[in-house]
Amino acid sequence: MPQLIFLPHDEICPEGKVIEVDPGVSICDAALAEGIEIEHACEKSCACTTCHVIVREGFESLGEADELEEDMLDKAWGLEPESRLSCQALVGDEDLVIELPKYTLNQVSEAR
């Protein structure tokens, strides 16, 4: 069973967290199930970039992003070559080290 290793994030996951997940689960669903509150303003429909993550290790084990995800990622804050939308990236058979970006672009958030 692969592990998702979330690096510390000041607000969302200050201590970092390691969770085990079944292959085929999205990074976003796995995180939310374990209390890591990744933003997902579009309800995980690949229509925003609020669930953007950077996969620091294990990126190659993920399936390729489709054209819609690539187009959305172009709008993400802090885009890197290993960026994915966590609602679209399905866990494979390898462990992943995941960084949550410092900022998200959420046009509808009333929290900030």
C-alpha atoms as a PDB file:
ATOM      1  CA  MET A   1       0.000   0.000   0.000  1.00  0.00           C
ATOM      2  CA  PRO A   2       1.618   3.286  -1.081  1.00  0.00           C
ATOM      3  CA  GLN A   3       2.275   6.106   1.358  1.00  0.00           C
ATOM      4  CA  LEU A   4       1.576   9.773   0.788  1.00  0.00           C
ATOM      5  CA  ILE A   5       4.082  11.883   2.661  1.00  0.00           C
ATOM      6  CA  PHE A   6       2.778  15.423   3.043  1.00  0.00           C
ATOM      7  CA  LEU A   7       5.492  17.943   3.800  1.00  0.00           C
ATOM      8  CA  PRO A   8       4.719  20.506   6.535  1.00  0.00           C
ATOM      9  CA  HIS A   9       2.539  23.452   5.521  1.00  0.00           C
ATOM     10  CA  ASP A  10       2.120  26.324   8.003  1.00  0.00           C
ATOM     11  CA  GLU A  11      -1.691  26.406   7.862  1.00  0.00           C
ATOM     12  CA  ILE A  12      -3.009  23.155   6.409  1.00  0.00           C
ATOM     13  CA  CYS A  13      -0.662  20.553   7.862  1.00  0.00           C
ATOM     14  CA  PRO A  14       1.915  22.143  10.227  1.00  0.00           C
ATOM     15  CA  GLU A  15       3.514  18.861  11.310  1.00  0.00           C
ATOM     16  CA  GLY A  16       3.342  17.165   7.932  1.00  0.00           C
ATOM     17  CA  LYS A  17       1.644  13.786   7.745  1.00  0.00           C
ATOM     18  CA  VAL A  18       2.178  10.287   6.376  1.00  0.00           C
ATOM     19  CA  ILE A  19      -0.855   8.306   5.254  1.00  0.00           C
ATOM     20  CA  GLU A  20      -1.360   4.966   3.536  1.00  0.00           C
ATOM     21  CA  VAL A  21      -3.784   4.759   0.628  1.00  0.00           C
ATOM     22  CA  ASP A  22      -5.027   2.286  -1.905  1.00  0.00           C
ATOM     23  CA  PRO A  23      -3.836   2.768  -5.487  1.00  0.00           C
ATOM     24  CA  GLY A  24      -6.400   4.520  -7.687  1.00  0.00           C
ATOM     25  CA  VAL A  25      -7.495   7.069  -5.072  1.00  0.00           C
ATOM     26  CA  SER A  26      -6.957  10.738  -5.887  1.00  0.00           C
ATOM     27  CA  ILE A  27      -4.424  12.629  -3.802  1.00  0.00           C
ATOM     28  CA  CYS A  28      -7.179  15.079  -2.851  1.00  0.00           C
ATOM     29  CA  ASP A  29      -9.612  12.397  -1.648  1.00  0.00           C
ATOM     30  CA  ALA A  30      -6.866  10.649   0.321  1.00  0.00           C
ATOM     31  CA  ALA A  31      -5.821  13.904   2.004  1.00  0.00           C
ATOM     32  CA  LEU A  32      -9.371  14.958   2.859  1.00  0.00           C
ATOM     33  CA  ALA A  33     -10.125  11.519   4.351  1.00  0.00           C
ATOM     34  CA  GLU A  34      -7.190  12.018   6.739  1.00  0.00           C
ATOM     35  CA  GLY A  35      -8.085  15.560   7.802  1.00  0.00           C
ATOM     36  CA  ILE A  36      -5.710  17.406   5.476  1.00  0.00           C
ATOM     37  CA  GLU A  37      -8.012  20.169   4.263  1.00  0.00           C
ATOM     38  CA  ILE A  38      -6.815  20.751   0.712  1.00  0.00           C
ATOM     39  CA  GLU A  39      -8.960  23.422  -0.911  1.00  0.00           C
ATOM     40  CA  HIS A  40     -11.150  22.126  -3.729  1.00  0.00           C
ATOM     41  CA  ALA A  41     -13.403  25.003  -4.740  1.00  0.00           C
ATOM     42  CA  CYS A  42     -14.794  23.295  -7.846  1.00  0.00           C
ATOM     43  CA  GLU A  43     -15.777  20.143  -5.932  1.00  0.00           C
ATOM     44  CA  LYS A  44     -12.982  18.177  -7.646  1.00  0.00           C
ATOM     45  CA  SER A  45     -14.262  18.707 -11.196  1.00  0.00           C
ATOM     46  CA  CYS A  46     -10.986  20.035 -12.684  1.00  0.00           C
ATOM     47  CA  ALA A  47     -12.418  23.530 -13.068  1.00  0.00           C
ATOM     48  CA  CYS A  48     -10.034  25.488 -10.806  1.00  0.00           C
ATOM     49  CA  THR A  49      -6.533  25.272  -9.338  1.00  0.00           C
ATOM     50  CA  THR A  50      -7.199  25.382  -5.593  1.00  0.00           C
ATOM     51  CA  CYS A  51      -6.111  21.757  -5.062  1.00  0.00           C
ATOM     52  CA  HIS A  52      -2.741  22.267  -6.794  1.00  0.00           C
ATOM     53  CA  VAL A  53       0.090  20.226  -5.252  1.00  0.00           C
ATOM     54  CA  ILE A  54       3.727  19.638  -6.116  1.00  0.00           C
ATOM     55  CA  VAL A  55       4.832  16.007  -6.168  1.00  0.00           C
ATOM     56  CA  ARG A  56       8.444  16.129  -4.974  1.00  0.00           C
ATOM     57  CA  GLU A  57       9.036  12.356  -5.198  1.00  0.00           C
ATOM     58  CA  GLY A  58       7.159   9.669  -7.121  1.00  0.00           C
ATOM     59  CA  PHE A  59       5.812  12.005  -9.811  1.00  0.00           C
ATOM     60  CA  GLU A  60       6.605   9.532 -12.594  1.00  0.00           C
ATOM     61  CA  SER A  61       4.307   6.920 -10.994  1.00  0.00           C
ATOM     62  CA  LEU A  62       1.245   9.085 -11.657  1.00  0.00           C
ATOM     63  CA  GLY A  63      -0.681   8.810 -14.884  1.00  0.00           C
ATOM     64  CA  GLU A  64      -0.237  11.670 -17.319  1.00  0.00           C
ATOM     65  CA  ALA A  65      -2.320  14.796 -16.865  1.00  0.00           C
ATOM     66  CA  ASP A  66      -4.940  15.246 -19.561  1.00  0.00           C
ATOM     67  CA  GLU A  67      -5.275  18.404 -21.629  1.00  0.00           C
ATOM     68  CA  LEU A  68      -7.930  19.970 -19.374  1.00  0.00           C
ATOM     69  CA  GLU A  69      -5.765  19.497 -16.273  1.00  0.00           C
ATOM     70  CA  GLU A  70      -2.734  20.919 -18.100  1.00  0.00           C
ATOM     71  CA  ASP A  71      -4.758  23.969 -19.139  1.00  0.00           C
ATOM     72  CA  MET A  72      -5.908  24.534 -15.549  1.00  0.00           C
ATOM     73  CA  LEU A  73      -2.404  24.045 -14.156  1.00  0.00           C
ATOM     74  CA  ASP A  74      -1.178  26.879 -16.382  1.00  0.00           C
ATOM     75  CA  LYS A  75      -3.244  29.182 -14.115  1.00  0.00           C
ATOM     76  CA  ALA A  76      -1.914  27.816 -10.793  1.00  0.00           C
ATOM     77  CA  TRP A  77       0.197  29.887  -8.421  1.00  0.00           C
ATOM     78  CA  GLY A  78       3.751  28.549  -8.111  1.00  0.00           C
ATOM     79  CA  LEU A  79       3.518  26.118 -11.015  1.00  0.00           C
ATOM     80  CA  GLU A  80       6.441  23.680 -11.258  1.00  0.00           C
ATOM     81  CA  PRO A  81       7.193  20.786 -13.642  1.00  0.00           C
ATOM     82  CA  GLU A  82       5.988  18.332 -10.961  1.00  0.00           C
ATOM     83  CA  SER A  83       2.705  20.178 -10.327  1.00  0.00           C
ATOM     84  CA  ARG A  84      -0.622  18.347 -10.456  1.00  0.00           C
ATOM     85  CA  LEU A  85      -4.200  19.025  -9.495  1.00  0.00           C
ATOM     86  CA  SER A  86      -4.694  16.703  -6.551  1.00  0.00           C
ATOM     87  CA  CYS A  87      -8.298  15.999  -7.568  1.00  0.00           C
ATOM     88  CA  GLN A  88      -7.071  14.517 -10.855  1.00  0.00           C
ATOM     89  CA  ALA A  89      -3.834  12.771  -9.821  1.00  0.00           C
ATOM     90  CA  LEU A  90      -4.524   9.151  -8.942  1.00  0.00           C
ATOM     91  CA  VAL A  91      -2.088   7.344  -6.656  1.00  0.00           C
ATOM     92  CA  GLY A  92      -0.174   4.519  -8.325  1.00  0.00           C
ATOM     93  CA  ASP A  93       1.956   1.839  -6.678  1.00  0.00           C
ATOM     94  CA  GLU A  94       4.763   4.125  -5.434  1.00  0.00           C
ATOM     95  CA  ASP A  95       5.082   6.382  -2.410  1.00  0.00           C
ATOM     96  CA  LEU A  96       4.651  10.098  -3.062  1.00  0.00           C
ATOM     97  CA  VAL A  97       6.202  13.089  -1.318  1.00  0.00           C
ATOM     98  CA  ILE A  98       3.772  15.988  -1.669  1.00  0.00           C
ATOM     99  CA  GLU A  99       4.224  19.692  -1.064  1.00  0.00           C
ATOM    100  CA  LEU A 100       1.206  21.930  -0.612  1.00  0.00           C
ATOM    101  CA  PRO A 101       1.902  25.343  -2.173  1.00  0.00           C
ATOM    102  CA  LYS A 102       1.921  28.344   0.126  1.00  0.00           C
ATOM    103  CA  TYR A 103      -0.899  30.031  -1.807  1.00  0.00           C
ATOM    104  CA  THR A 104      -3.894  29.081  -3.904  1.00  0.00           C
ATOM    105  CA  LEU A 105      -5.919  31.156  -6.346  1.00  0.00           C
ATOM    106  CA  ASN A 106      -9.509  30.941  -5.153  1.00  0.00           C
ATOM    107  CA  GLN A 107     -11.797  33.506  -6.746  1.00  0.00           C
ATOM    108  CA  VAL A 108     -14.773  32.604  -4.547  1.00  0.00           C
ATOM    109  CA  SER A 109     -13.206  32.152  -1.122  1.00  0.00           C
ATOM    110  CA  GLU A 110     -14.654  34.336   1.611  1.00  0.00           C
ATOM    111  CA  ALA A 111     -12.053  33.185   4.132  1.00  0.00           C
ATOM    112  CA  ARG A 112      -9.313  35.594   2.971  1.00  0.00           C
END
